[in-house]
N, C-alpha and C. Protein backbone atom coordinates (compact mmCIF):
# COMPACT_ATOMS: atom_id res chain seq x y z
N MET A 1 -0.51 12.67 -8.04
CA MET A 1 -0.20 11.94 -9.26
C MET A 1 -1.05 10.68 -9.26
N ASN A 2 -1.74 10.45 -10.36
CA ASN A 2 -2.53 9.22 -10.49
C ASN A 2 -1.75 8.18 -11.29
N LYS A 3 -2.36 7.03 -11.48
CA LYS A 3 -1.66 5.91 -12.14
C LYS A 3 -1.24 6.27 -13.57
N ARG A 4 -2.10 6.95 -14.29
CA ARG A 4 -1.79 7.32 -15.68
C ARG A 4 -0.57 8.25 -15.74
N GLN A 5 -0.52 9.22 -14.84
CA GLN A 5 0.60 10.14 -14.79
C GLN A 5 1.88 9.43 -14.35
N LEU A 6 1.76 8.52 -13.42
CA LEU A 6 2.91 7.73 -12.98
C LEU A 6 3.49 6.92 -14.12
N VAL A 7 2.63 6.26 -14.88
CA VAL A 7 3.08 5.46 -16.03
C VAL A 7 3.76 6.34 -17.06
N ALA A 8 3.17 7.49 -17.37
CA ALA A 8 3.75 8.39 -18.38
C ALA A 8 5.12 8.90 -17.94
N THR A 9 5.24 9.27 -16.67
CA THR A 9 6.52 9.77 -16.16
C THR A 9 7.58 8.69 -16.17
N ALA A 10 7.22 7.48 -15.75
CA ALA A 10 8.18 6.37 -15.75
C ALA A 10 8.60 6.01 -17.17
N ALA A 11 7.67 6.08 -18.12
CA ALA A 11 8.00 5.77 -19.52
C ALA A 11 9.00 6.78 -20.08
N ARG A 12 8.83 8.06 -19.70
CA ARG A 12 9.77 9.09 -20.17
C ARG A 12 11.17 8.87 -19.59
N ARG A 13 11.27 8.31 -18.39
CA ARG A 13 12.56 8.10 -17.73
C ARG A 13 13.26 6.82 -18.19
N THR A 14 12.55 5.96 -18.89
CA THR A 14 13.13 4.69 -19.33
C THR A 14 13.02 4.57 -20.84
N LEU A 15 13.49 3.45 -21.34
CA LEU A 15 13.37 3.16 -22.78
C LEU A 15 12.11 2.36 -23.08
N LEU A 16 11.23 2.22 -22.10
CA LEU A 16 10.02 1.43 -22.26
C LEU A 16 8.86 2.29 -22.74
N THR A 17 7.90 1.64 -23.39
CA THR A 17 6.69 2.34 -23.80
C THR A 17 5.74 2.44 -22.61
N GLN A 18 4.73 3.30 -22.75
CA GLN A 18 3.74 3.43 -21.67
C GLN A 18 3.01 2.11 -21.45
N ARG A 19 2.75 1.37 -22.51
CA ARG A 19 2.07 0.07 -22.37
C ARG A 19 2.93 -0.90 -21.57
N GLN A 20 4.23 -0.94 -21.85
CA GLN A 20 5.12 -1.84 -21.12
C GLN A 20 5.23 -1.45 -19.65
N VAL A 21 5.31 -0.15 -19.39
CA VAL A 21 5.38 0.32 -18.00
C VAL A 21 4.09 -0.01 -17.27
N ARG A 22 2.94 0.19 -17.91
CA ARG A 22 1.64 -0.12 -17.29
C ARG A 22 1.54 -1.61 -16.97
N GLN A 23 1.98 -2.47 -17.90
CA GLN A 23 1.95 -3.91 -17.66
C GLN A 23 2.87 -4.29 -16.50
N ALA A 24 4.05 -3.69 -16.45
CA ALA A 24 4.99 -3.97 -15.36
C ALA A 24 4.43 -3.49 -14.02
N LEU A 25 3.83 -2.31 -14.01
CA LEU A 25 3.25 -1.78 -12.78
C LEU A 25 2.08 -2.64 -12.31
N ASP A 26 1.22 -3.05 -13.23
CA ASP A 26 0.10 -3.92 -12.87
C ASP A 26 0.59 -5.25 -12.29
N ALA A 27 1.64 -5.82 -12.90
CA ALA A 27 2.20 -7.08 -12.40
C ALA A 27 2.81 -6.88 -11.02
N LEU A 28 3.50 -5.78 -10.82
CA LEU A 28 4.11 -5.48 -9.53
C LEU A 28 3.04 -5.31 -8.44
N LEU A 29 2.00 -4.56 -8.73
CA LEU A 29 0.93 -4.35 -7.75
C LEU A 29 0.19 -5.65 -7.44
N ALA A 30 -0.04 -6.47 -8.45
CA ALA A 30 -0.70 -7.76 -8.23
C ALA A 30 0.17 -8.67 -7.36
N THR A 31 1.46 -8.65 -7.58
CA THR A 31 2.38 -9.47 -6.80
C THR A 31 2.40 -9.02 -5.34
N ILE A 32 2.42 -7.71 -5.12
CA ILE A 32 2.39 -7.18 -3.75
C ILE A 32 1.08 -7.57 -3.07
N ALA A 33 -0.04 -7.44 -3.78
CA ALA A 33 -1.34 -7.78 -3.21
C ALA A 33 -1.42 -9.27 -2.85
N GLU A 34 -0.90 -10.13 -3.71
CA GLU A 34 -0.91 -11.57 -3.43
C GLU A 34 -0.05 -11.90 -2.22
N ALA A 35 1.12 -11.26 -2.12
CA ALA A 35 2.00 -11.51 -0.98
C ALA A 35 1.32 -11.07 0.32
N LEU A 36 0.67 -9.92 0.31
CA LEU A 36 -0.01 -9.43 1.50
C LEU A 36 -1.17 -10.35 1.87
N ALA A 37 -1.90 -10.83 0.87
CA ALA A 37 -3.02 -11.74 1.13
C ALA A 37 -2.51 -13.05 1.74
N ASP A 38 -1.30 -13.46 1.39
CA ASP A 38 -0.69 -14.68 1.95
C ASP A 38 -0.02 -14.43 3.30
N GLY A 39 -0.06 -13.19 3.78
CA GLY A 39 0.54 -12.86 5.07
C GLY A 39 2.01 -12.54 5.02
N GLU A 40 2.57 -12.37 3.83
CA GLU A 40 3.99 -12.07 3.68
C GLU A 40 4.20 -10.56 3.57
N PRO A 41 5.14 -10.00 4.30
CA PRO A 41 5.47 -8.58 4.11
C PRO A 41 6.30 -8.39 2.84
N VAL A 42 6.23 -7.20 2.26
CA VAL A 42 7.02 -6.87 1.09
C VAL A 42 7.85 -5.64 1.43
N ALA A 43 9.17 -5.78 1.41
CA ALA A 43 10.08 -4.69 1.75
C ALA A 43 10.83 -4.25 0.51
N LEU A 44 10.78 -2.96 0.23
CA LEU A 44 11.52 -2.36 -0.89
C LEU A 44 12.56 -1.43 -0.28
N SER A 45 13.82 -1.77 -0.45
CA SER A 45 14.87 -0.98 0.19
C SER A 45 14.80 0.47 -0.27
N ASP A 46 15.07 1.38 0.64
CA ASP A 46 15.03 2.83 0.43
C ASP A 46 13.66 3.35 0.02
N PHE A 47 12.61 2.54 0.17
CA PHE A 47 11.25 3.00 -0.12
C PHE A 47 10.34 2.75 1.08
N GLY A 48 10.17 1.48 1.44
CA GLY A 48 9.32 1.18 2.59
C GLY A 48 8.92 -0.27 2.64
N ARG A 49 7.96 -0.55 3.52
CA ARG A 49 7.54 -1.92 3.77
C ARG A 49 6.02 -1.99 3.76
N PHE A 50 5.49 -2.92 2.97
CA PHE A 50 4.06 -3.20 2.95
C PHE A 50 3.83 -4.45 3.79
N GLU A 51 2.81 -4.43 4.63
CA GLU A 51 2.46 -5.62 5.38
C GLU A 51 0.98 -5.60 5.72
N ALA A 52 0.46 -6.77 6.07
CA ALA A 52 -0.93 -6.88 6.47
C ALA A 52 -0.98 -6.89 7.99
N GLN A 53 -1.69 -5.95 8.56
CA GLN A 53 -1.83 -5.87 10.01
C GLN A 53 -3.19 -6.44 10.39
N HIS A 54 -3.20 -7.33 11.37
CA HIS A 54 -4.46 -7.97 11.75
C HIS A 54 -5.11 -7.23 12.91
N TYR A 55 -6.39 -6.92 12.74
CA TYR A 55 -7.18 -6.34 13.81
C TYR A 55 -8.12 -7.41 14.33
N SER A 56 -8.09 -7.63 15.63
CA SER A 56 -8.92 -8.68 16.21
C SER A 56 -10.37 -8.20 16.31
N GLY A 57 -11.28 -9.17 16.32
CA GLY A 57 -12.69 -8.85 16.45
C GLY A 57 -13.00 -8.32 17.84
N ARG A 58 -14.06 -7.57 17.95
CA ARG A 58 -14.44 -7.02 19.25
C ARG A 58 -15.92 -6.68 19.25
N GLN A 59 -16.44 -6.45 20.43
CA GLN A 59 -17.83 -6.05 20.55
C GLN A 59 -17.90 -4.55 20.80
N LEU A 60 -18.80 -3.89 20.09
CA LEU A 60 -18.99 -2.45 20.23
C LEU A 60 -20.40 -2.15 20.71
N ARG A 61 -20.53 -1.08 21.44
CA ARG A 61 -21.83 -0.66 21.93
C ARG A 61 -22.57 0.13 20.87
N ARG A 62 -23.85 -0.07 20.75
CA ARG A 62 -24.67 0.67 19.79
C ARG A 62 -24.93 2.08 20.31
N PHE A 63 -24.83 3.05 19.43
CA PHE A 63 -25.18 4.42 19.79
C PHE A 63 -26.68 4.58 19.66
N GLY A 64 -27.32 5.14 20.65
CA GLY A 64 -28.74 5.40 20.58
C GLY A 64 -29.61 4.17 20.63
N GLY A 65 -29.04 3.03 20.88
CA GLY A 65 -29.82 1.80 20.92
C GLY A 65 -29.34 0.92 22.06
N LYS A 66 -30.03 -0.17 22.21
CA LYS A 66 -29.65 -1.08 23.27
C LYS A 66 -28.77 -2.19 22.72
N GLY A 67 -27.89 -2.69 23.55
CA GLY A 67 -27.11 -3.86 23.19
C GLY A 67 -25.78 -3.53 22.53
N HIS A 68 -25.19 -4.58 22.00
CA HIS A 68 -23.87 -4.51 21.37
C HIS A 68 -23.93 -5.19 20.01
N TYR A 69 -22.91 -4.95 19.20
CA TYR A 69 -22.74 -5.71 17.96
C TYR A 69 -21.28 -6.11 17.83
N THR A 70 -21.04 -7.15 17.06
CA THR A 70 -19.70 -7.71 16.93
C THR A 70 -19.08 -7.30 15.60
N VAL A 71 -17.84 -6.86 15.67
CA VAL A 71 -17.04 -6.57 14.48
C VAL A 71 -16.06 -7.72 14.33
N GLN A 72 -16.06 -8.36 13.18
CA GLN A 72 -15.18 -9.49 12.93
C GLN A 72 -13.73 -9.02 12.76
N GLY A 73 -12.80 -9.87 13.15
CA GLY A 73 -11.39 -9.57 12.93
C GLY A 73 -11.07 -9.58 11.44
N HIS A 74 -10.12 -8.76 11.05
CA HIS A 74 -9.77 -8.67 9.63
C HIS A 74 -8.34 -8.14 9.48
N ALA A 75 -7.78 -8.35 8.31
CA ALA A 75 -6.44 -7.85 8.01
C ALA A 75 -6.57 -6.57 7.18
N VAL A 76 -5.67 -5.62 7.44
CA VAL A 76 -5.66 -4.34 6.75
C VAL A 76 -4.26 -4.10 6.21
N PRO A 77 -4.13 -3.72 4.93
CA PRO A 77 -2.79 -3.44 4.41
C PRO A 77 -2.24 -2.14 5.02
N VAL A 78 -0.95 -2.18 5.36
CA VAL A 78 -0.29 -1.05 6.00
C VAL A 78 1.03 -0.79 5.26
N PHE A 79 1.37 0.50 5.09
CA PHE A 79 2.65 0.87 4.49
C PHE A 79 3.44 1.68 5.50
N ARG A 80 4.69 1.30 5.69
CA ARG A 80 5.59 2.04 6.57
C ARG A 80 6.76 2.52 5.71
N SER A 81 6.90 3.82 5.61
CA SER A 81 7.96 4.37 4.77
C SER A 81 9.33 4.19 5.41
N SER A 82 10.35 4.10 4.58
CA SER A 82 11.71 3.95 5.08
C SER A 82 12.25 5.31 5.51
N GLU A 83 13.28 5.28 6.28
CA GLU A 83 13.91 6.53 6.73
C GLU A 83 14.43 7.32 5.53
N ALA A 84 14.98 6.63 4.53
CA ALA A 84 15.51 7.30 3.34
C ALA A 84 14.39 8.03 2.59
N LEU A 85 13.23 7.41 2.46
CA LEU A 85 12.11 8.05 1.77
C LEU A 85 11.61 9.26 2.57
N ARG A 86 11.49 9.12 3.89
CA ARG A 86 11.04 10.24 4.71
C ARG A 86 12.01 11.42 4.61
N ARG A 87 13.30 11.11 4.62
CA ARG A 87 14.32 12.16 4.49
C ARG A 87 14.21 12.88 3.15
N ARG A 88 14.01 12.11 2.09
CA ARG A 88 13.94 12.71 0.74
C ARG A 88 12.71 13.61 0.60
N VAL A 89 11.58 13.17 1.13
CA VAL A 89 10.36 13.98 1.06
C VAL A 89 10.54 15.25 1.89
N LYS A 90 11.16 15.13 3.05
CA LYS A 90 11.38 16.27 3.92
C LYS A 90 12.29 17.30 3.26
N GLU A 91 13.34 16.82 2.56
CA GLU A 91 14.25 17.74 1.86
C GLU A 91 13.55 18.48 0.74
N LYS A 92 12.65 17.80 0.01
CA LYS A 92 11.93 18.42 -1.09
C LYS A 92 10.97 19.51 -0.60
N LYS A 93 10.36 19.28 0.58
CA LYS A 93 9.39 20.22 1.13
C LYS A 93 10.05 21.49 1.64
N ALA A 94 11.30 21.39 2.07
CA ALA A 94 11.98 22.54 2.68
C ALA A 94 12.46 23.54 1.66
């Protein structure tokens, strides 16, 4: 399911128009992204937790060449699903 399909499905389930759902979804995603950029985790009960995981910099060896190169440390967004979400997906698959 892509974003357009998600918006259409959510609009059918609510009294909102597709435009209103798209605006709400965009605002929600922007808010989650800002929180992660600020180092704050975002937890949605019965869905999961978004957080930024930090990977430290390190030196790697070059393949086929001499020497090493440095990879800078950086943050990567991570999603951990809740037990309730995992259970629901598992039930649907069975």
